[in-house]
Amino acid sequence: PDPTRLDDMATPPASTKTTLTQRLRAHAADRWPDYRIETRFRGQFAYIDAVDPDGDTSPLCRLSYAGSASMWGFAFYRASHDDYQNNFLPTGGSAGTPEDALDCAAGLYLQ
């Protein structure tokens, strides 16, 4: 399935949602220890936010589930438009690991 096409995507199972949240929190704890990562799910999408020590929340990105817990479509949060836009990861693909997506978005917004 193509993770950038909405009609190709399914809703992730509960186990995948739990695993995704755990993976992202563990990864962020090593790279951005001052932030807590929150994950919200709606349909095939996982919305990733960073919460700073003061409790302020910053949207980072949206991941699109395409049937694999290890490969997700990627969209940046655009504060200027208050929306998400499909984008490419530094690896060159429009889909990648959740950690690649977090590194890309958090590297932009949390540095």
PDB file of N, CA and C in Angstrom:
ATOM      1  N   PRO A   1       0.825  -1.205   0.000  1.00  0.00           N
ATOM      2  CA  PRO A   1       0.000   0.000   0.000  1.00  0.00           C
ATOM      3  C   PRO A   1       0.862   1.259   0.000  1.00  0.00           C
ATOM      4  N   ASP A   2       0.342   2.289  -0.588  1.00  0.00           N
ATOM      5  CA  ASP A   2       1.017   3.575  -0.623  1.00  0.00           C
ATOM      6  C   ASP A   2       0.563   4.388   0.583  1.00  0.00           C
ATOM      7  N   PRO A   3       1.480   4.691   1.554  1.00  0.00           N
ATOM      8  CA  PRO A   3       1.073   5.393   2.764  1.00  0.00           C
ATOM      9  C   PRO A   3       0.673   6.837   2.541  1.00  0.00           C
ATOM     10  N   THR A   4       0.814   7.361   1.344  1.00  0.00           N
ATOM     11  CA  THR A   4       0.381   8.727   1.079  1.00  0.00           C
ATOM     12  C   THR A   4      -1.037   8.776   0.500  1.00  0.00           C
ATOM     13  N   ARG A   5      -1.609   7.623   0.197  1.00  0.00           N
ATOM     14  CA  ARG A   5      -2.969   7.577  -0.361  1.00  0.00           C
ATOM     15  C   ARG A   5      -3.951   7.171   0.720  1.00  0.00           C
ATOM     16  N   LEU A   6      -4.897   8.048   1.002  1.00  0.00           N
ATOM     17  CA  LEU A   6      -5.854   7.812   2.078  1.00  0.00           C
ATOM     18  C   LEU A   6      -6.692   6.570   1.859  1.00  0.00           C
ATOM     19  N   ASP A   7      -7.059   6.270   0.625  1.00  0.00           N
ATOM     20  CA  ASP A   7      -7.936   5.140   0.371  1.00  0.00           C
ATOM     21  C   ASP A   7      -7.221   3.801   0.517  1.00  0.00           C
ATOM     22  N   ASP A   8      -5.887   3.811   0.600  1.00  0.00           N
ATOM     23  CA  ASP A   8      -5.127   2.581   0.779  1.00  0.00           C
ATOM     24  C   ASP A   8      -4.886   2.247   2.254  1.00  0.00           C
ATOM     25  N   MET A   9      -5.252   3.131   3.154  1.00  0.00           N
ATOM     26  CA  MET A   9      -4.873   2.967   4.547  1.00  0.00           C
ATOM     27  C   MET A   9      -5.971   2.359   5.393  1.00  0.00           C
ATOM     28  N   ALA A  10      -5.523   1.618   6.391  1.00  0.00           N
ATOM     29  CA  ALA A  10      -6.422   1.012   7.360  1.00  0.00           C
ATOM     30  C   ALA A  10      -6.149   1.626   8.728  1.00  0.00           C
ATOM     31  N   THR A  11      -7.061   1.423   9.636  1.00  0.00           N
ATOM     32  CA  THR A  11      -6.872   1.877  10.998  1.00  0.00           C
ATOM     33  C   THR A  11      -5.922   0.925  11.712  1.00  0.00           C
ATOM     34  N   PRO A  12      -4.910   1.456  12.409  1.00  0.00           N
ATOM     35  CA  PRO A  12      -3.978   0.562  13.101  1.00  0.00           C
ATOM     36  C   PRO A  12      -4.660  -0.160  14.262  1.00  0.00           C
ATOM     37  N   PRO A  13      -4.284  -1.417  14.495  1.00  0.00           N
ATOM     38  CA  PRO A  13      -4.837  -2.140  15.644  1.00  0.00           C
ATOM     39  C   PRO A  13      -4.328  -1.548  16.962  1.00  0.00           C
ATOM     40  N   ALA A  14      -5.007  -1.849  18.038  1.00  0.00           N
ATOM     41  CA  ALA A  14      -4.649  -1.319  19.362  1.00  0.00           C
ATOM     42  C   ALA A  14      -3.207  -1.651  19.722  1.00  0.00           C
ATOM     43  N   SER A  15      -2.750  -2.842  19.389  1.00  0.00           N
ATOM     44  CA  SER A  15      -1.377  -3.229  19.723  1.00  0.00           C
ATOM     45  C   SER A  15      -0.361  -2.351  18.992  1.00  0.00           C
ATOM     46  N   THR A  16      -0.653  -1.986  17.757  1.00  0.00           N
ATOM     47  CA  THR A  16       0.239  -1.116  16.996  1.00  0.00           C
ATOM     48  C   THR A  16       0.241   0.286  17.580  1.00  0.00           C
ATOM     49  N   LYS A  17      -0.915   0.759  18.004  1.00  0.00           N
ATOM     50  CA  LYS A  17      -0.991   2.080  18.635  1.00  0.00           C
ATOM     51  C   LYS A  17      -0.144   2.117  19.900  1.00  0.00           C
ATOM     52  N   THR A  18      -0.254   1.084  20.715  1.00  0.00           N
ATOM     53  CA  THR A  18       0.526   1.014  21.954  1.00  0.00           C
ATOM     54  C   THR A  18       2.015   0.964  21.656  1.00  0.00           C
ATOM     55  N   THR A  19       2.402   0.112  20.706  1.00  0.00           N
ATOM     56  CA  THR A  19       3.806  -0.025  20.337  1.00  0.00           C
ATOM     57  C   THR A  19       4.367   1.281  19.785  1.00  0.00           C
ATOM     58  N   LEU A  20       3.604   1.948  18.928  1.00  0.00           N
ATOM     59  CA  LEU A  20       4.054   3.217  18.355  1.00  0.00           C
ATOM     60  C   LEU A  20       4.315   4.238  19.457  1.00  0.00           C
ATOM     61  N   THR A  21       3.379   4.373  20.369  1.00  0.00           N
ATOM     62  CA  THR A  21       3.526   5.331  21.465  1.00  0.00           C
ATOM     63  C   THR A  21       4.762   5.019  22.291  1.00  0.00           C
ATOM     64  N   GLN A  22       4.968   3.759  22.616  1.00  0.00           N
ATOM     65  CA  GLN A  22       6.132   3.357  23.409  1.00  0.00           C
ATOM     66  C   GLN A  22       7.440   3.626  22.665  1.00  0.00           C
ATOM     67  N   ARG A  23       7.476   3.293  21.386  1.00  0.00           N
ATOM     68  CA  ARG A  23       8.690   3.518  20.588  1.00  0.00           C
ATOM     69  C   ARG A  23       9.051   4.994  20.527  1.00  0.00           C
ATOM     70  N   LEU A  24       8.064   5.840  20.270  1.00  0.00           N
ATOM     71  CA  LEU A  24       8.339   7.265  20.148  1.00  0.00           C
ATOM     72  C   LEU A  24       8.769   7.872  21.476  1.00  0.00           C
ATOM     73  N   ARG A  25       8.129   7.475  22.560  1.00  0.00           N
ATOM     74  CA  ARG A  25       8.512   8.005  23.873  1.00  0.00           C
ATOM     75  C   ARG A  25       9.928   7.579  24.252  1.00  0.00           C
ATOM     76  N   ALA A  26      10.276   6.337  23.984  1.00  0.00           N
ATOM     77  CA  ALA A  26      11.625   5.846  24.303  1.00  0.00           C
ATOM     78  C   ALA A  26      12.670   6.583  23.466  1.00  0.00           C
ATOM     79  N   HIS A  27      12.386   6.764  22.203  1.00  0.00           N
ATOM     80  CA  HIS A  27      13.324   7.454  21.310  1.00  0.00           C
ATOM     81  C   HIS A  27      13.500   8.911  21.743  1.00  0.00           C
ATOM     82  N   ALA A  28      12.396   9.574  22.051  1.00  0.00           N
ATOM     83  CA  ALA A  28      12.455  10.982  22.452  1.00  0.00           C
ATOM     84  C   ALA A  28      13.172  11.160  23.785  1.00  0.00           C
ATOM     85  N   ALA A  29      13.034  10.205  24.681  1.00  0.00           N
ATOM     86  CA  ALA A  29      13.680  10.307  25.995  1.00  0.00           C
ATOM     87  C   ALA A  29      15.192  10.405  25.852  1.00  0.00           C
ATOM     88  N   ASP A  30      15.746   9.753  24.836  1.00  0.00           N
ATOM     89  CA  ASP A  30      17.185   9.814  24.592  1.00  0.00           C
ATOM     90  C   ASP A  30      17.609  11.103  23.899  1.00  0.00           C
ATOM     91  N   ARG A  31      16.770  11.607  23.008  1.00  0.00           N
ATOM     92  CA  ARG A  31      17.178  12.741  22.171  1.00  0.00           C
ATOM     93  C   ARG A  31      16.659  14.084  22.663  1.00  0.00           C
ATOM     94  N   TRP A  32      15.470  14.106  23.233  1.00  0.00           N
ATOM     95  CA  TRP A  32      14.850  15.346  23.723  1.00  0.00           C
ATOM     96  C   TRP A  32      14.281  15.086  25.115  1.00  0.00           C
ATOM     97  N   PRO A  33      15.156  14.891  26.112  1.00  0.00           N
ATOM     98  CA  PRO A  33      14.692  14.489  27.442  1.00  0.00           C
ATOM     99  C   PRO A  33      13.819  15.529  28.146  1.00  0.00           C
ATOM    100  N   ASP A  34      13.844  16.767  27.699  1.00  0.00           N
ATOM    101  CA  ASP A  34      13.025  17.801  28.330  1.00  0.00           C
ATOM    102  C   ASP A  34      11.576  17.797  27.840  1.00  0.00           C
ATOM    103  N   TYR A  35      11.293  16.971  26.831  1.00  0.00           N
ATOM    104  CA  TYR A  35       9.948  16.941  26.253  1.00  0.00           C
ATOM    105  C   TYR A  35       9.295  15.584  26.462  1.00  0.00           C
ATOM    106  N   ARG A  36       7.985  15.606  26.625  1.00  0.00           N
ATOM    107  CA  ARG A  36       7.187  14.385  26.670  1.00  0.00           C
ATOM    108  C   ARG A  36       6.462  14.276  25.333  1.00  0.00           C
ATOM    109  N   ILE A  37       6.492  13.125  24.736  1.00  0.00           N
ATOM    110  CA  ILE A  37       5.820  12.912  23.454  1.00  0.00           C
ATOM    111  C   ILE A  37       4.438  12.331  23.698  1.00  0.00           C
ATOM    112  N   GLU A  38       3.453  12.946  23.090  1.00  0.00           N
ATOM    113  CA  GLU A  38       2.062  12.485  23.173  1.00  0.00           C
ATOM    114  C   GLU A  38       1.620  12.044  21.778  1.00  0.00           C
ATOM    115  N   THR A  39       0.855  10.982  21.733  1.00  0.00           N
ATOM    116  CA  THR A  39       0.353  10.448  20.470  1.00  0.00           C
ATOM    117  C   THR A  39      -1.166  10.364  20.542  1.00  0.00           C
ATOM    118  N   ARG A  40      -1.834  10.941  19.551  1.00  0.00           N
ATOM    119  CA  ARG A  40      -3.294  10.863  19.432  1.00  0.00           C
ATOM    120  C   ARG A  40      -3.606  10.127  18.140  1.00  0.00           C
ATOM    121  N   PHE A  41      -4.663   9.355  18.152  1.00  0.00           N
ATOM    122  CA  PHE A  41      -5.036   8.584  16.964  1.00  0.00           C
ATOM    123  C   PHE A  41      -6.424   8.987  16.499  1.00  0.00           C
ATOM    124  N   ARG A  42      -6.542   9.064  15.171  1.00  0.00           N
ATOM    125  CA  ARG A  42      -7.843   9.294  14.543  1.00  0.00           C
ATOM    126  C   ARG A  42      -7.817   8.575  13.203  1.00  0.00           C
ATOM    127  N   GLY A  43      -8.612   7.530  13.091  1.00  0.00           N
ATOM    128  CA  GLY A  43      -8.614   6.738  11.869  1.00  0.00           C
ATOM    129  C   GLY A  43      -7.245   6.147  11.623  1.00  0.00           C
ATOM    130  N   GLN A  44      -6.735   6.333  10.406  1.00  0.00           N
ATOM    131  CA  GLN A  44      -5.432   5.792  10.041  1.00  0.00           C
ATOM    132  C   GLN A  44      -4.264   6.678  10.488  1.00  0.00           C
ATOM    133  N   PHE A  45      -4.559   7.815  11.109  1.00  0.00           N
ATOM    134  CA  PHE A  45      -3.526   8.785  11.464  1.00  0.00           C
ATOM    135  C   PHE A  45      -3.126   8.724  12.931  1.00  0.00           C
ATOM    136  N   ALA A  46      -1.832   8.967  13.160  1.00  0.00           N
ATOM    137  CA  ALA A  46      -1.276   9.169  14.497  1.00  0.00           C
ATOM    138  C   ALA A  46      -0.702  10.582  14.515  1.00  0.00           C
ATOM    139  N   TYR A  47      -1.198  11.410  15.420  1.00  0.00           N
ATOM    140  CA  TYR A  47      -0.729  12.788  15.551  1.00  0.00           C
ATOM    141  C   TYR A  47       0.278  12.842  16.691  1.00  0.00           C
ATOM    142  N   ILE A  48       1.460  13.382  16.411  1.00  0.00           N
ATOM    143  CA  ILE A  48       2.554  13.393  17.366  1.00  0.00           C
ATOM    144  C   ILE A  48       2.780  14.818  17.854  1.00  0.00           C
ATOM    145  N   ASP A  49       2.711  14.988  19.178  1.00  0.00           N
ATOM    146  CA  ASP A  49       2.913  16.290  19.805  1.00  0.00           C
ATOM    147  C   ASP A  49       4.051  16.195  20.816  1.00  0.00           C
ATOM    148  N   ALA A  50       4.707  17.324  21.065  1.00  0.00           N
ATOM    149  CA  ALA A  50       5.715  17.424  22.118  1.00  0.00           C
ATOM    150  C   ALA A  50       5.166  18.336  23.203  1.00  0.00           C
ATOM    151  N   VAL A  51       5.330  17.922  24.452  1.00  0.00           N
ATOM    152  CA  VAL A  51       4.896  18.722  25.589  1.00  0.00           C
ATOM    153  C   VAL A  51       6.151  19.167  26.342  1.00  0.00           C
ATOM    154  N   ASP A  52       6.313  20.492  26.493  1.00  0.00           N
ATOM    155  CA  ASP A  52       7.512  21.007  27.151  1.00  0.00           C
ATOM    156  C   ASP A  52       7.349  20.974  28.674  1.00  0.00           C
ATOM    157  N   PRO A  53       8.415  21.298  29.416  1.00  0.00           N
ATOM    158  CA  PRO A  53       8.338  21.230  30.885  1.00  0.00           C
ATOM    159  C   PRO A  53       7.270  22.121  31.506  1.00  0.00           C
ATOM    160  N   ASP A  54       6.863  23.178  30.804  1.00  0.00           N
ATOM    161  CA  ASP A  54       5.813  24.064  31.312  1.00  0.00           C
ATOM    162  C   ASP A  54       4.411  23.552  30.998  1.00  0.00           C
ATOM    163  N   GLY A  55       4.329  22.442  30.243  1.00  0.00           N
ATOM    164  CA  GLY A  55       3.034  21.876  29.885  1.00  0.00           C
ATOM    165  C   GLY A  55       2.476  22.373  28.565  1.00  0.00           C
ATOM    166  N   ASP A  56       3.246  23.192  27.839  1.00  0.00           N
ATOM    167  CA  ASP A  56       2.792  23.691  26.538  1.00  0.00           C
ATOM    168  C   ASP A  56       2.984  22.606  25.482  1.00  0.00           C
ATOM    169  N   THR A  57       1.971  22.426  24.648  1.00  0.00           N
ATOM    170  CA  THR A  57       1.981  21.385  23.624  1.00  0.00           C
ATOM    171  C   THR A  57       2.268  21.977  22.254  1.00  0.00           C
ATOM    172  N   SER A  58       3.172  21.317  21.524  1.00  0.00           N
ATOM    173  CA  SER A  58       3.504  21.722  20.159  1.00  0.00           C
ATOM    174  C   SER A  58       3.270  20.552  19.221  1.00  0.00           C
ATOM    175  N   PRO A  59       2.394  20.700  18.239  1.00  0.00           N
ATOM    176  CA  PRO A  59       2.238  19.642  17.239  1.00  0.00           C
ATOM    177  C   PRO A  59       3.531  19.495  16.440  1.00  0.00           C
ATOM    178  N   LEU A  60       3.898  18.253  16.130  1.00  0.00           N
ATOM    179  CA  LEU A  60       5.113  17.994  15.365  1.00  0.00           C
ATOM    180  C   LEU A  60       4.814  17.432  13.983  1.00  0.00           C
ATOM    181  N   CYS A  61       4.057  16.332  13.956  1.00  0.00           N
ATOM    182  CA  CYS A  61       3.835  15.668  12.679  1.00  0.00           C
ATOM    183  C   CYS A  61       2.630  14.728  12.775  1.00  0.00           C
ATOM    184  N   ARG A  62       2.289  14.196  11.618  1.00  0.00           N
ATOM    185  CA  ARG A  62       1.222  13.201  11.512  1.00  0.00           C
ATOM    186  C   ARG A  62       1.796  11.994  10.786  1.00  0.00           C
ATOM    187  N   LEU A  63       1.549  10.823  11.338  1.00  0.00           N
ATOM    188  CA  LEU A  63       1.961   9.580  10.702  1.00  0.00           C
ATOM    189  C   LEU A  63       0.725   8.908  10.125  1.00  0.00           C
ATOM    190  N   SER A  64       0.885   8.275   8.975  1.00  0.00           N
ATOM    191  CA  SER A  64      -0.212   7.586   8.301  1.00  0.00           C
ATOM    192  C   SER A  64       0.067   6.095   8.285  1.00  0.00           C
ATOM    193  N   TYR A  65      -0.837   5.337   8.850  1.00  0.00           N
ATOM    194  CA  TYR A  65      -0.694   3.880   8.918  1.00  0.00           C
ATOM    195  C   TYR A  65      -1.086   3.262   7.583  1.00  0.00           C
ATOM    196  N   ALA A  66      -0.238   2.350   7.115  1.00  0.00           N
ATOM    197  CA  ALA A  66      -0.522   1.670   5.842  1.00  0.00           C
ATOM    198  C   ALA A  66      -0.381   0.160   5.983  1.00  0.00           C
ATOM    199  N   GLY A  67      -0.635  -0.336   7.184  1.00  0.00           N
ATOM    200  CA  GLY A  67      -0.615  -1.779   7.386  1.00  0.00           C
ATOM    201  C   GLY A  67       0.641  -2.330   8.021  1.00  0.00           C
ATOM    202  N   SER A  68       1.640  -1.489   8.260  1.00  0.00           N
ATOM    203  CA  SER A  68       2.895  -1.945   8.855  1.00  0.00           C
ATOM    204  C   SER A  68       3.222  -1.096  10.072  1.00  0.00           C
ATOM    205  N   ALA A  69       3.585  -1.747  11.164  1.00  0.00           N
ATOM    206  CA  ALA A  69       3.950  -1.019  12.374  1.00  0.00           C
ATOM    207  C   ALA A  69       5.311  -0.345  12.247  1.00  0.00           C
ATOM    208  N   SER A  70       6.090  -0.735  11.234  1.00  0.00           N
ATOM    209  CA  SER A  70       7.440  -0.196  11.121  1.00  0.00           C
ATOM    210  C   SER A  70       7.589   0.877  10.040  1.00  0.00           C
ATOM    211  N   MET A  71       6.630   1.007   9.133  1.00  0.00           N
ATOM    212  CA  MET A  71       6.684   2.025   8.074  1.00  0.00           C
ATOM    213  C   MET A  71       5.401   2.854   8.094  1.00  0.00           C
ATOM    214  N   TRP A  72       5.562   4.156   8.215  1.00  0.00           N
ATOM    215  CA  TRP A  72       4.428   5.072   8.290  1.00  0.00           C
ATOM    216  C   TRP A  72       4.637   6.214   7.308  1.00  0.00           C
ATOM    217  N   GLY A  73       3.545   6.696   6.728  1.00  0.00           N
ATOM    218  CA  GLY A  73       3.609   7.907   5.916  1.00  0.00           C
ATOM    219  C   GLY A  73       3.884   9.087   6.827  1.00  0.00           C
ATOM    220  N   PHE A  74       4.425  10.171   6.279  1.00  0.00           N
ATOM    221  CA  PHE A  74       4.884  11.294   7.077  1.00  0.00           C
ATOM    222  C   PHE A  74       4.318  12.605   6.561  1.00  0.00           C
ATOM    223  N   ALA A  75       3.837  13.437   7.484  1.00  0.00           N
ATOM    224  CA  ALA A  75       3.378  14.792   7.158  1.00  0.00           C
ATOM    225  C   ALA A  75       3.847  15.735   8.264  1.00  0.00           C
ATOM    226  N   PHE A  76       4.462  16.843   7.868  1.00  0.00           N
ATOM    227  CA  PHE A  76       4.861  17.892   8.810  1.00  0.00           C
ATOM    228  C   PHE A  76       3.632  18.652   9.285  1.00  0.00           C
ATOM    229  N   TYR A  77       3.681  19.135  10.517  1.00  0.00           N
ATOM    230  CA  TYR A  77       2.703  20.119  10.967  1.00  0.00           C
ATOM    231  C   TYR A  77       3.174  21.487  10.466  1.00  0.00           C
ATOM    232  N   ARG A  78       2.263  22.224   9.845  1.00  0.00           N
ATOM    233  CA  ARG A  78       2.578  23.572   9.372  1.00  0.00           C
ATOM    234  C   ARG A  78       1.836  24.569  10.250  1.00  0.00           C
ATOM    235  N   ALA A  79       2.573  25.209  11.146  1.00  0.00           N
ATOM    236  CA  ALA A  79       1.961  26.180  12.053  1.00  0.00           C
ATOM    237  C   ALA A  79       1.351  27.349  11.289  1.00  0.00           C
ATOM    238  N   SER A  80       1.974  27.730  10.185  1.00  0.00           N
ATOM    239  CA  SER A  80       1.488  28.870   9.404  1.00  0.00           C
ATOM    240  C   SER A  80       0.106  28.620   8.801  1.00  0.00           C
ATOM    241  N   HIS A  81      -0.244  27.343   8.606  1.00  0.00           N
ATOM    242  CA  HIS A  81      -1.538  26.992   8.028  1.00  0.00           C
ATOM    243  C   HIS A  81      -2.406  26.192   8.999  1.00  0.00           C
ATOM    244  N   ASP A  82      -1.850  25.833  10.155  1.00  0.00           N
ATOM    245  CA  ASP A  82      -2.519  24.988  11.141  1.00  0.00           C
ATOM    246  C   ASP A  82      -3.047  23.712  10.487  1.00  0.00           C
ATOM    247  N   ASP A  83      -2.144  23.052   9.728  1.00  0.00           N
ATOM    248  CA  ASP A  83      -2.516  21.800   9.080  1.00  0.00           C
ATOM    249  C   ASP A  83      -1.284  20.909   8.936  1.00  0.00           C
ATOM    250  N   TYR A  84      -1.471  19.786   8.296  1.00  0.00           N
ATOM    251  CA  TYR A  84      -0.391  18.829   8.062  1.00  0.00           C
ATOM    252  C   TYR A  84      -0.217  18.668   6.560  1.00  0.00           C
ATOM    253  N   GLN A  85       1.045  18.633   6.117  1.00  0.00           N
ATOM    254  CA  GLN A  85       1.328  18.469   4.696  1.00  0.00           C
ATOM    255  C   GLN A  85       2.254  17.271   4.512  1.00  0.00           C
ATOM    256  N   ASN A  86       1.840  16.352   3.631  1.00  0.00           N
ATOM    257  CA  ASN A  86       2.698  15.215   3.319  1.00  0.00           C
ATOM    258  C   ASN A  86       4.049  15.736   2.881  1.00  0.00           C
ATOM    259  N   ASN A  87       5.092  15.040   3.322  1.00  0.00           N
ATOM    260  CA  ASN A  87       6.428  15.510   3.032  1.00  0.00           C
ATOM    261  C   ASN A  87       7.383  14.341   2.930  1.00  0.00           C
ATOM    262  N   PHE A  88       8.610  14.623   2.555  1.00  0.00           N
ATOM    263  CA  PHE A  88       9.655  13.611   2.463  1.00  0.00           C
ATOM    264  C   PHE A  88      10.522  13.650   3.710  1.00  0.00           C
ATOM    265  N   LEU A  89      10.984  12.492   4.112  1.00  0.00           N
ATOM    266  CA  LEU A  89      11.922  12.381   5.218  1.00  0.00           C
ATOM    267  C   LEU A  89      13.340  12.602   4.699  1.00  0.00           C
ATOM    268  N   PRO A  90      14.292  12.885   5.573  1.00  0.00           N
ATOM    269  CA  PRO A  90      15.683  13.027   5.125  1.00  0.00           C
ATOM    270  C   PRO A  90      16.216  11.769   4.425  1.00  0.00           C
ATOM    271  N   THR A  91      15.592  10.630   4.672  1.00  0.00           N
ATOM    272  CA  THR A  91      15.989   9.391   4.006  1.00  0.00           C
ATOM    273  C   THR A  91      15.593   9.388   2.536  1.00  0.00           C
ATOM    274  N   GLY A  92      14.745  10.352   2.125  1.00  0.00           N
ATOM    275  CA  GLY A  92      14.330  10.471   0.735  1.00  0.00           C
ATOM    276  C   GLY A  92      12.957   9.912   0.438  1.00  0.00           C
ATOM    277  N   GLY A  93      12.380   9.183   1.377  1.00  0.00           N
ATOM    278  CA  GLY A  93      11.067   8.596   1.150  1.00  0.00           C
ATOM    279  C   GLY A  93       9.955   9.396   1.801  1.00  0.00           C
ATOM    280  N   SER A  94       8.737   9.160   1.332  1.00  0.00           N
ATOM    281  CA  SER A  94       7.566   9.799   1.941  1.00  0.00           C
ATOM    282  C   SER A  94       7.032   8.954   3.091  1.00  0.00           C
ATOM    283  N   ALA A  95       7.668   7.804   3.328  1.00  0.00           N
ATOM    284  CA  ALA A  95       7.327   6.933   4.453  1.00  0.00           C
ATOM    285  C   ALA A  95       8.620   6.435   5.070  1.00  0.00           C
ATOM    286  N   GLY A  96       8.564   6.123   6.349  1.00  0.00           N
ATOM    287  CA  GLY A  96       9.745   5.634   7.048  1.00  0.00           C
ATOM    288  C   GLY A  96       9.374   5.155   8.432  1.00  0.00           C
ATOM    289  N   THR A  97      10.383   4.961   9.238  1.00  0.00           N
ATOM    290  CA  THR A  97      10.128   4.503  10.605  1.00  0.00           C
ATOM    291  C   THR A  97       9.553   5.652  11.427  1.00  0.00           C
ATOM    292  N   PRO A  98       8.829   5.326  12.485  1.00  0.00           N
ATOM    293  CA  PRO A  98       8.330   6.390  13.361  1.00  0.00           C
ATOM    294  C   PRO A  98       9.472   7.240  13.935  1.00  0.00           C
ATOM    295  N   GLU A  99      10.599   6.594  14.222  1.00  0.00           N
ATOM    296  CA  GLU A  99      11.744   7.324  14.763  1.00  0.00           C
ATOM    297  C   GLU A  99      12.309   8.311  13.750  1.00  0.00           C
ATOM    298  N   ASP A 100      12.368   7.922  12.470  1.00  0.00           N
ATOM    299  CA  ASP A 100      12.825   8.840  11.423  1.00  0.00           C
ATOM    300  C   ASP A 100      11.913  10.060  11.350  1.00  0.00           C
ATOM    301  N   ALA A 101      10.619   9.825  11.431  1.00  0.00           N
ATOM    302  CA  ALA A 101       9.649  10.921  11.368  1.00  0.00           C
ATOM    303  C   ALA A 101       9.802  11.846  12.572  1.00  0.00           C
ATOM    304  N   LEU A 102       9.949  11.265  13.748  1.00  0.00           N
ATOM    305  CA  LEU A 102      10.119  12.079  14.950  1.00  0.00           C
ATOM    306  C   LEU A 102      11.410  12.882  14.879  1.00  0.00           C
ATOM    307  N   ASP A 103      12.492  12.256  14.449  1.00  0.00           N
ATOM    308  CA  ASP A 103      13.767  12.973  14.315  1.00  0.00           C
ATOM    309  C   ASP A 103      13.631  14.162  13.373  1.00  0.00           C
ATOM    310  N   CYS A 104      12.956  13.953  12.276  1.00  0.00           N
ATOM    311  CA  CYS A 104      12.793  15.016  11.288  1.00  0.00           C
ATOM    312  C   CYS A 104      11.975  16.181  11.857  1.00  0.00           C
ATOM    313  N   ALA A 105      10.813  15.885  12.393  1.00  0.00           N
ATOM    314  CA  ALA A 105       9.931  16.943  12.892  1.00  0.00           C
ATOM    315  C   ALA A 105      10.472  17.590  14.166  1.00  0.00           C
ATOM    316  N   ALA A 106      10.924  16.793  15.104  1.00  0.00           N
ATOM    317  CA  ALA A 106      11.432  17.344  16.362  1.00  0.00           C
ATOM    318  C   ALA A 106      12.731  18.113  16.118  1.00  0.00           C
ATOM    319  N   GLY A 107      13.538  17.632  15.175  1.00  0.00           N
ATOM    320  CA  GLY A 107      14.758  18.346  14.834  1.00  0.00           C
ATOM    321  C   GLY A 107      14.473  19.751  14.333  1.00  0.00           C
ATOM    322  N   LEU A 108      13.358  19.906  13.659  1.00  0.00           N
ATOM    323  CA  LEU A 108      12.961  21.211  13.150  1.00  0.00           C
ATOM    324  C   LEU A 108      12.335  22.076  14.247  1.00  0.00           C
ATOM    325  N   TYR A 109      11.423  21.492  15.012  1.00  0.00           N
ATOM    326  CA  TYR A 109      10.629  22.278  15.967  1.00  0.00           C
ATOM    327  C   TYR A 109      11.216  22.381  17.370  1.00  0.00           C
ATOM    328  N   LEU A 110      12.035  21.425  17.775  1.00  0.00           N
ATOM    329  CA  LEU A 110      12.506  21.423  19.165  1.00  0.00           C
ATOM    330  C   LEU A 110      13.953  21.872  19.322  1.00  0.00           C
ATOM    331  N   GLN A 111      14.644  22.168  18.245  1.00  0.00           N
ATOM    332  CA  GLN A 111      16.055  22.577  18.345  1.00  0.00           C
ATOM    333  C   GLN A 111      16.165  24.067  18.570  1.00  0.00           C
TER     334      GLN A 111
END
